Every structure is written in C-alpha cells, then in structure tokens.
C-alpha cells in the first residue's frame, strides 16, 4: 500500500515537472528549433551521401578503363583535337 502511494506521488510529480517544462515557451521554441535544425542537417547528409555514391561509381568505372589500358586496348571516348597551325 505504501509502495503504491509513493509510486503515485513520484509519477504525479514527474508528470507535473514535465508539463511545467513543456509549458514554458522558451523550451517549446528550443525544441522546435532543434527539430528543424536536425531535419535540415539530415537532408544535407542524404544529399552528400548520394554525391559520394555517385563519385564512387564513377571511380569504379574509371578503374575498368585502367584495366583495359593495361591490356592494351584502345582508349574509348572522344578523340583528341588536332591543333592546326596556319
């Protein structure tokens, strides 16, 4: 019985303290500001991870070109421009 009373007082006071903290406008504003900042950072991280993935893919494609060059195959792509002197 005594345990139930102490538990009730503890949970009631804990709930009141959380409600008190959340009722303050500065805390609410900070929570909103932090959540927006976190969302912005997460969006930027996703974009950077995508860029890194694309760069890694391009690097692996170029590694295949190096292997082909080592085998003696001709270079693929645009031919070098010839300079004409007049």
C-alpha atoms as a PDB file:
ATOM      1  CA  UNK A   1       0.000   0.000   0.000  1.00  0.00           C
ATOM      2  CA  UNK A   2       2.749   2.418   0.950  1.00  0.00           C
ATOM      3  CA  UNK A   3       4.610   1.496  -2.221  1.00  0.00           C
ATOM      4  CA  UNK A   4       1.566   2.447  -4.333  1.00  0.00           C
ATOM      5  CA  UNK A   5       1.309   5.818  -2.592  1.00  0.00           C
ATOM      6  CA  UNK A   6       4.980   6.653  -3.183  1.00  0.00           C
ATOM      7  CA  UNK A   7       4.699   5.493  -6.791  1.00  0.00           C
ATOM      8  CA  UNK A   8       1.646   7.720  -7.296  1.00  0.00           C
ATOM      9  CA  UNK A   9       3.424  10.728  -5.795  1.00  0.00           C
ATOM     10  CA  UNK A  10       6.528  10.049  -7.892  1.00  0.00           C
ATOM     11  CA  UNK A  11       4.663   9.694 -11.177  1.00  0.00           C
ATOM     12  CA  UNK A  12       2.386  12.628 -10.431  1.00  0.00           C
ATOM     13  CA  UNK A  13       5.308  14.890  -9.600  1.00  0.00           C
ATOM     14  CA  UNK A  14       7.263  13.656 -12.632  1.00  0.00           C
ATOM     15  CA  UNK A  15       4.306  14.352 -14.892  1.00  0.00           C
ATOM     16  CA  UNK A  16       3.840  17.795 -13.375  1.00  0.00           C
ATOM     17  CA  UNK A  17       7.516  18.655 -13.833  1.00  0.00           C
ATOM     18  CA  UNK A  18       7.478  17.558 -17.480  1.00  0.00           C
ATOM     19  CA  UNK A  19       4.280  19.510 -18.101  1.00  0.00           C
ATOM     20  CA  UNK A  20       5.807  22.537 -16.383  1.00  0.00           C
ATOM     21  CA  UNK A  21       8.903  22.388 -18.563  1.00  0.00           C
ATOM     22  CA  UNK A  22       6.906  21.955 -21.748  1.00  0.00           C
ATOM     23  CA  UNK A  23       4.553  24.783 -20.819  1.00  0.00           C
ATOM     24  CA  UNK A  24       7.432  27.262 -20.941  1.00  0.00           C
ATOM     25  CA  UNK A  25       7.601  28.971 -24.310  1.00  0.00           C
ATOM     26  CA  UNK A  26      11.390  29.024 -24.402  1.00  0.00           C
ATOM     27  CA  UNK A  27      11.574  25.259 -24.053  1.00  0.00           C
ATOM     28  CA  UNK A  28       8.928  24.792 -26.758  1.00  0.00           C
ATOM     29  CA  UNK A  29      10.746  27.160 -29.079  1.00  0.00           C
ATOM     30  CA  UNK A  30      14.044  25.408 -28.453  1.00  0.00           C
ATOM     31  CA  UNK A  31      12.505  22.012 -29.171  1.00  0.00           C
ATOM     32  CA  UNK A  32      11.025  23.268 -32.451  1.00  0.00           C
ATOM     33  CA  UNK A  33      14.289  24.962 -33.407  1.00  0.00           C
ATOM     34  CA  UNK A  34      16.321  21.845 -32.657  1.00  0.00           C
ATOM     35  CA  UNK A  35      13.946  19.605 -34.601  1.00  0.00           C
ATOM     36  CA  UNK A  36      14.104  21.901 -37.647  1.00  0.00           C
ATOM     37  CA  UNK A  37      17.893  22.062 -37.463  1.00  0.00           C
ATOM     38  CA  UNK A  38      18.097  18.271 -37.174  1.00  0.00           C
ATOM     39  CA  UNK A  39      15.834  17.851 -40.195  1.00  0.00           C
ATOM     40  CA  UNK A  40      17.938  20.281 -42.234  1.00  0.00           C
ATOM     41  CA  UNK A  41      21.149  18.509 -41.317  1.00  0.00           C
ATOM     42  CA  UNK A  42      19.633  15.128 -42.123  1.00  0.00           C
ATOM     43  CA  UNK A  43      18.561  16.382 -45.556  1.00  0.00           C
ATOM     44  CA  UNK A  44      22.067  17.713 -46.244  1.00  0.00           C
ATOM     45  CA  UNK A  45      23.616  14.417 -45.130  1.00  0.00           C
ATOM     46  CA  UNK A  46      21.369  12.475 -47.507  1.00  0.00           C
ATOM     47  CA  UNK A  47      22.446  14.684 -50.410  1.00  0.00           C
ATOM     48  CA  UNK A  48      26.125  14.290 -49.544  1.00  0.00           C
ATOM     49  CA  UNK A  49      25.806  10.506 -49.249  1.00  0.00           C
ATOM     50  CA  UNK A  50      24.165  10.447 -52.674  1.00  0.00           C
ATOM     51  CA  UNK A  51      27.021  12.547 -54.125  1.00  0.00           C
ATOM     52  CA  UNK A  52      29.636  10.269 -52.562  1.00  0.00           C
ATOM     53  CA  UNK A  53      27.874   7.214 -54.016  1.00  0.00           C
ATOM     54  CA  UNK A  54      27.871   8.744 -57.484  1.00  0.00           C
ATOM     55  CA  UNK A  55      31.557   9.662 -57.177  1.00  0.00           C
ATOM     56  CA  UNK A  56      32.424   6.127 -56.056  1.00  0.00           C
ATOM     57  CA  UNK A  57      30.503   4.690 -59.006  1.00  0.00           C
ATOM     58  CA  UNK A  58      32.417   6.939 -61.419  1.00  0.00           C
ATOM     59  CA  UNK A  59      35.700   5.921 -59.795  1.00  0.00           C
ATOM     60  CA  UNK A  60      34.940   2.235 -60.318  1.00  0.00           C
ATOM     61  CA  UNK A  61      34.042   2.928 -63.952  1.00  0.00           C
ATOM     62  CA  UNK A  62      37.412   4.598 -64.446  1.00  0.00           C
ATOM     63  CA  UNK A  63      39.183   1.656 -62.807  1.00  0.00           C
ATOM     64  CA  UNK A  64      37.777  -0.525 -65.575  1.00  0.00           C
ATOM     65  CA  UNK A  65      39.389   1.850 -68.091  1.00  0.00           C
ATOM     66  CA  UNK A  66      42.743   1.421 -66.364  1.00  0.00           C
ATOM     67  CA  UNK A  67      42.436  -2.360 -66.610  1.00  0.00           C
ATOM     68  CA  UNK A  68      41.581  -2.067 -70.306  1.00  0.00           C
ATOM     69  CA  UNK A  69      44.578   0.213 -70.864  1.00  0.00           C
ATOM     70  CA  UNK A  70      46.834  -2.302 -69.144  1.00  0.00           C
ATOM     71  CA  UNK A  71      45.531  -4.990 -71.504  1.00  0.00           C
ATOM     72  CA  UNK A  72      46.463  -2.817 -74.458  1.00  0.00           C
ATOM     73  CA  UNK A  73      43.008  -1.871 -75.656  1.00  0.00           C
ATOM     74  CA  UNK A  74      42.454   1.476 -77.349  1.00  0.00           C
ATOM     75  CA  UNK A  75      41.020   4.379 -75.419  1.00  0.00           C
ATOM     76  CA  UNK A  76      37.282   4.865 -75.732  1.00  0.00           C
ATOM     77  CA  UNK A  77      35.622   8.242 -75.954  1.00  0.00           C
ATOM     78  CA  UNK A  78      36.213  11.462 -77.801  1.00  0.00           C
ATOM     79  CA  UNK A  79      39.366  11.589 -79.872  1.00  0.00           C
ATOM     80  CA  UNK A  80      41.904  14.313 -79.070  1.00  0.00           C
ATOM     81  CA  UNK A  81      41.591  17.517 -81.063  1.00  0.00           C
ATOM     82  CA  UNK A  82      44.375  18.127 -83.593  1.00  0.00           C
ATOM     83  CA  UNK A  83      45.948  21.561 -83.461  1.00  0.00           C
ATOM     84  CA  UNK A  84      46.313  23.215 -86.844  1.00  0.00           C
ATOM     85  CA  UNK A  85      48.920  25.909 -87.222  1.00  0.00           C
ATOM     86  CA  UNK A  86      48.406  28.403 -90.023  1.00  0.00           C
END
